[in-house]
Amino acid sequence: MRSIAIGDELTDEWQKRGIKEKIEYSILTAEISKATFDMTPSEYKKYK
């Protein structure tokens, strides 16, 4: 539950800063994943 709330807060903040396109959200999410887990979501999918 908490992770959903955090995700919503992050999305809201990105919207405030002008992110509008779906691809922009994908890029930002991939960068966060890469910094946190050393894998992008697509890399993790292949690994899994």
PDB file of N, CA and C in Angstrom:
ATOM      1  N   MET A   1       0.813  -1.199   0.000  1.00  0.00           N
ATOM      2  CA  MET A   1       0.000   0.000   0.000  1.00  0.00           C
ATOM      3  C   MET A   1       0.859   1.266   0.000  1.00  0.00           C
ATOM      4  N   ARG A   2       1.888   1.259   0.831  1.00  0.00           N
ATOM      5  CA  ARG A   2       2.740   2.452   0.940  1.00  0.00           C
ATOM      6  C   ARG A   2       3.467   2.719  -0.374  1.00  0.00           C
ATOM      7  N   SER A   3       3.886   1.652  -1.059  1.00  0.00           N
ATOM      8  CA  SER A   3       4.601   1.859  -2.322  1.00  0.00           C
ATOM      9  C   SER A   3       3.695   2.487  -3.384  1.00  0.00           C
ATOM     10  N   ILE A   4       2.418   2.158  -3.357  1.00  0.00           N
ATOM     11  CA  ILE A   4       1.464   2.761  -4.290  1.00  0.00           C
ATOM     12  C   ILE A   4       1.328   4.249  -3.992  1.00  0.00           C
ATOM     13  N   ALA A   5       1.239   4.594  -2.721  1.00  0.00           N
ATOM     14  CA  ALA A   5       1.123   6.004  -2.334  1.00  0.00           C
ATOM     15  C   ALA A   5       2.370   6.784  -2.740  1.00  0.00           C
ATOM     16  N   ILE A   6       3.531   6.186  -2.548  1.00  0.00           N
ATOM     17  CA  ILE A   6       4.781   6.849  -2.934  1.00  0.00           C
ATOM     18  C   ILE A   6       4.834   7.033  -4.450  1.00  0.00           C
ATOM     19  N   GLY A   7       4.422   6.014  -5.184  1.00  0.00           N
ATOM     20  CA  GLY A   7       4.386   6.119  -6.644  1.00  0.00           C
ATOM     21  C   GLY A   7       3.457   7.225  -7.110  1.00  0.00           C
ATOM     22  N   ASP A   8       2.305   7.334  -6.450  1.00  0.00           N
ATOM     23  CA  ASP A   8       1.363   8.397  -6.796  1.00  0.00           C
ATOM     24  C   ASP A   8       1.953   9.781  -6.513  1.00  0.00           C
ATOM     25  N   GLU A   9       2.646   9.908  -5.382  1.00  0.00           N
ATOM     26  CA  GLU A   9       3.281  11.182  -5.042  1.00  0.00           C
ATOM     27  C   GLU A   9       4.345  11.549  -6.074  1.00  0.00           C
ATOM     28  N   LEU A  10       5.119  10.561  -6.481  1.00  0.00           N
ATOM     29  CA  LEU A  10       6.166  10.796  -7.473  1.00  0.00           C
ATOM     30  C   LEU A  10       5.561  11.224  -8.810  1.00  0.00           C
ATOM     31  N   THR A  11       4.526  10.541  -9.229  1.00  0.00           N
ATOM     32  CA  THR A  11       3.843  10.887 -10.479  1.00  0.00           C
ATOM     33  C   THR A  11       3.275  12.303 -10.412  1.00  0.00           C
ATOM     34  N   ASP A  12       2.672  12.651  -9.286  1.00  0.00           N
ATOM     35  CA  ASP A  12       2.135  14.004  -9.111  1.00  0.00           C
ATOM     36  C   ASP A  12       3.242  15.056  -9.215  1.00  0.00           C
ATOM     37  N   GLU A  13       4.384  14.764  -8.608  1.00  0.00           N
ATOM     38  CA  GLU A  13       5.508  15.711  -8.653  1.00  0.00           C
ATOM     39  C   GLU A  13       6.021  15.866 -10.078  1.00  0.00           C
ATOM     40  N   TRP A  14       6.128  14.775 -10.800  1.00  0.00           N
ATOM     41  CA  TRP A  14       6.567  14.842 -12.197  1.00  0.00           C
ATOM     42  C   TRP A  14       5.589  15.672 -13.023  1.00  0.00           C
ATOM     43  N   GLN A  15       4.288  15.495 -12.779  1.00  0.00           N
ATOM     44  CA  GLN A  15       3.285  16.280 -13.507  1.00  0.00           C
ATOM     45  C   GLN A  15       3.447  17.766 -13.212  1.00  0.00           C
ATOM     46  N   LYS A  16       3.696  18.104 -11.945  1.00  0.00           N
ATOM     47  CA  LYS A  16       3.903  19.512 -11.571  1.00  0.00           C
ATOM     48  C   LYS A  16       5.099  20.106 -12.312  1.00  0.00           C
ATOM     49  N   ARG A  17       6.080  19.276 -12.609  1.00  0.00           N
ATOM     50  CA  ARG A  17       7.315  19.743 -13.251  1.00  0.00           C
ATOM     51  C   ARG A  17       7.254  19.648 -14.770  1.00  0.00           C
ATOM     52  N   GLY A  18       6.072  19.303 -15.307  1.00  0.00           N
ATOM     53  CA  GLY A  18       5.875  19.393 -16.743  1.00  0.00           C
ATOM     54  C   GLY A  18       5.978  18.096 -17.528  1.00  0.00           C
ATOM     55  N   ILE A  19       6.100  16.964 -16.855  1.00  0.00           N
ATOM     56  CA  ILE A  19       6.155  15.688 -17.562  1.00  0.00           C
ATOM     57  C   ILE A  19       4.741  15.340 -18.024  1.00  0.00           C
ATOM     58  N   LYS A  20       4.608  15.095 -19.315  1.00  0.00           N
ATOM     59  CA  LYS A  20       3.271  14.831 -19.849  1.00  0.00           C
ATOM     60  C   LYS A  20       3.206  13.543 -20.664  1.00  0.00           C
ATOM     61  N   GLU A  21       4.254  13.212 -21.372  1.00  0.00           N
ATOM     62  CA  GLU A  21       4.241  12.065 -22.275  1.00  0.00           C
ATOM     63  C   GLU A  21       4.561  10.763 -21.537  1.00  0.00           C
ATOM     64  N   LYS A  22       3.934   9.691 -21.982  1.00  0.00           N
ATOM     65  CA  LYS A  22       4.163   8.380 -21.372  1.00  0.00           C
ATOM     66  C   LYS A  22       5.633   7.967 -21.455  1.00  0.00           C
ATOM     67  N   ILE A  23       6.283   8.289 -22.555  1.00  0.00           N
ATOM     68  CA  ILE A  23       7.691   7.922 -22.726  1.00  0.00           C
ATOM     69  C   ILE A  23       8.570   8.615 -21.688  1.00  0.00           C
ATOM     70  N   GLU A  24       8.208   9.831 -21.299  1.00  0.00           N
ATOM     71  CA  GLU A  24       8.978  10.545 -20.282  1.00  0.00           C
ATOM     72  C   GLU A  24       8.903   9.835 -18.931  1.00  0.00           C
ATOM     73  N   TYR A  25       7.721   9.337 -18.592  1.00  0.00           N
ATOM     74  CA  TYR A  25       7.563   8.570 -17.356  1.00  0.00           C
ATOM     75  C   TYR A  25       8.397   7.290 -17.423  1.00  0.00           C
ATOM     76  N   SER A  26       8.405   6.645 -18.575  1.00  0.00           N
ATOM     77  CA  SER A  26       9.183   5.418 -18.755  1.00  0.00           C
ATOM     78  C   SER A  26      10.670   5.677 -18.567  1.00  0.00           C
ATOM     79  N   ILE A  27      11.142   6.762 -19.131  1.00  0.00           N
ATOM     80  CA  ILE A  27      12.565   7.109 -19.010  1.00  0.00           C
ATOM     81  C   ILE A  27      12.924   7.375 -17.553  1.00  0.00           C
ATOM     82  N   LEU A  28      12.116   8.168 -16.867  1.00  0.00           N
ATOM     83  CA  LEU A  28      12.393   8.482 -15.468  1.00  0.00           C
ATOM     84  C   LEU A  28      12.341   7.235 -14.597  1.00  0.00           C
ATOM     85  N   THR A  29      11.365   6.378 -14.819  1.00  0.00           N
ATOM     86  CA  THR A  29      11.239   5.135 -14.060  1.00  0.00           C
ATOM     87  C   THR A  29      12.446   4.234 -14.299  1.00  0.00           C
ATOM     88  N   ALA A  30      12.882   4.141 -15.539  1.00  0.00           N
ATOM     89  CA  ALA A  30      14.053   3.314 -15.867  1.00  0.00           C
ATOM     90  C   ALA A  30      15.307   3.858 -15.187  1.00  0.00           C
ATOM     91  N   GLU A  31      15.465   5.171 -15.154  1.00  0.00           N
ATOM     92  CA  GLU A  31      16.631   5.770 -14.508  1.00  0.00           C
ATOM     93  C   GLU A  31      16.636   5.500 -13.002  1.00  0.00           C
ATOM     94  N   ILE A  32      15.481   5.589 -12.376  1.00  0.00           N
ATOM     95  CA  ILE A  32      15.387   5.302 -10.941  1.00  0.00           C
ATOM     96  C   ILE A  32      15.713   3.833 -10.676  1.00  0.00           C
ATOM     97  N   SER A  33      15.164   2.960 -11.488  1.00  0.00           N
ATOM     98  CA  SER A  33      15.426   1.523 -11.353  1.00  0.00           C
ATOM     99  C   SER A  33      16.906   1.213 -11.545  1.00  0.00           C
ATOM    100  N   LYS A  34      17.514   1.817 -12.536  1.00  0.00           N
ATOM    101  CA  LYS A  34      18.935   1.596 -12.826  1.00  0.00           C
ATOM    102  C   LYS A  34      19.797   2.053 -11.647  1.00  0.00           C
ATOM    103  N   ALA A  35      19.484   3.200 -11.090  1.00  0.00           N
ATOM    104  CA  ALA A  35      20.248   3.724  -9.964  1.00  0.00           C
ATOM    105  C   ALA A  35      20.040   2.888  -8.702  1.00  0.00           C
ATOM    106  N   THR A  36      18.861   2.362  -8.523  1.00  0.00           N
ATOM    107  CA  THR A  36      18.533   1.607  -7.317  1.00  0.00           C
ATOM    108  C   THR A  36      18.983   0.157  -7.397  1.00  0.00           C
ATOM    109  N   PHE A  37      18.686  -0.497  -8.511  1.00  0.00           N
ATOM    110  CA  PHE A  37      18.911  -1.945  -8.633  1.00  0.00           C
ATOM    111  C   PHE A  37      19.974  -2.321  -9.656  1.00  0.00           C
ATOM    112  N   ASP A  38      20.566  -1.334 -10.306  1.00  0.00           N
ATOM    113  CA  ASP A  38      21.562  -1.542 -11.355  1.00  0.00           C
ATOM    114  C   ASP A  38      20.995  -2.306 -12.553  1.00  0.00           C
ATOM    115  N   MET A  39      19.679  -2.198 -12.744  1.00  0.00           N
ATOM    116  CA  MET A  39      18.994  -2.801 -13.896  1.00  0.00           C
ATOM    117  C   MET A  39      17.793  -1.943 -14.254  1.00  0.00           C
ATOM    118  N   THR A  40      17.581  -1.765 -15.552  1.00  0.00           N
ATOM    119  CA  THR A  40      16.353  -1.106 -15.985  1.00  0.00           C
ATOM    120  C   THR A  40      15.226  -2.137 -15.920  1.00  0.00           C
ATOM    121  N   PRO A  41      13.982  -1.708 -15.971  1.00  0.00           N
ATOM    122  CA  PRO A  41      12.887  -2.683 -15.975  1.00  0.00           C
ATOM    123  C   PRO A  41      12.989  -3.691 -17.117  1.00  0.00           C
ATOM    124  N   SER A  42      13.412  -3.267 -18.298  1.00  0.00           N
ATOM    125  CA  SER A  42      13.541  -4.200 -19.411  1.00  0.00           C
ATOM    126  C   SER A  42      14.694  -5.180 -19.194  1.00  0.00           C
ATOM    127  N   GLU A  43      15.781  -4.718 -18.592  1.00  0.00           N
ATOM    128  CA  GLU A  43      16.880  -5.623 -18.263  1.00  0.00           C
ATOM    129  C   GLU A  43      16.441  -6.655 -17.226  1.00  0.00           C
ATOM    130  N   TYR A  44      15.657  -6.213 -16.246  1.00  0.00           N
ATOM    131  CA  TYR A  44      15.157  -7.134 -15.227  1.00  0.00           C
ATOM    132  C   TYR A  44      14.231  -8.178 -15.847  1.00  0.00           C
ATOM    133  N   LYS A  45      13.404  -7.749 -16.771  1.00  0.00           N
ATOM    134  CA  LYS A  45      12.478  -8.670 -17.438  1.00  0.00           C
ATOM    135  C   LYS A  45      13.249  -9.775 -18.147  1.00  0.00           C
ATOM    136  N   LYS A  46      14.341  -9.420 -18.831  1.00  0.00           N
ATOM    137  CA  LYS A  46      15.169 -10.417 -19.501  1.00  0.00           C
ATOM    138  C   LYS A  46      15.860 -11.325 -18.488  1.00  0.00           C
ATOM    139  N   TYR A  47      16.320 -10.745 -17.381  1.00  0.00           N
ATOM    140  CA  TYR A  47      16.996 -11.499 -16.328  1.00  0.00           C
ATOM    141  C   TYR A  47      16.062 -12.507 -15.687  1.00  0.00           C
ATOM    142  N   LYS A  48      14.856 -12.083 -15.447  1.00  0.00           N
ATOM    143  CA  LYS A  48      13.842 -12.895 -14.785  1.00  0.00           C
ATOM    144  C   LYS A  48      13.507 -14.079 -15.643  1.00  0.00           C
TER     145      LYS A  48
END
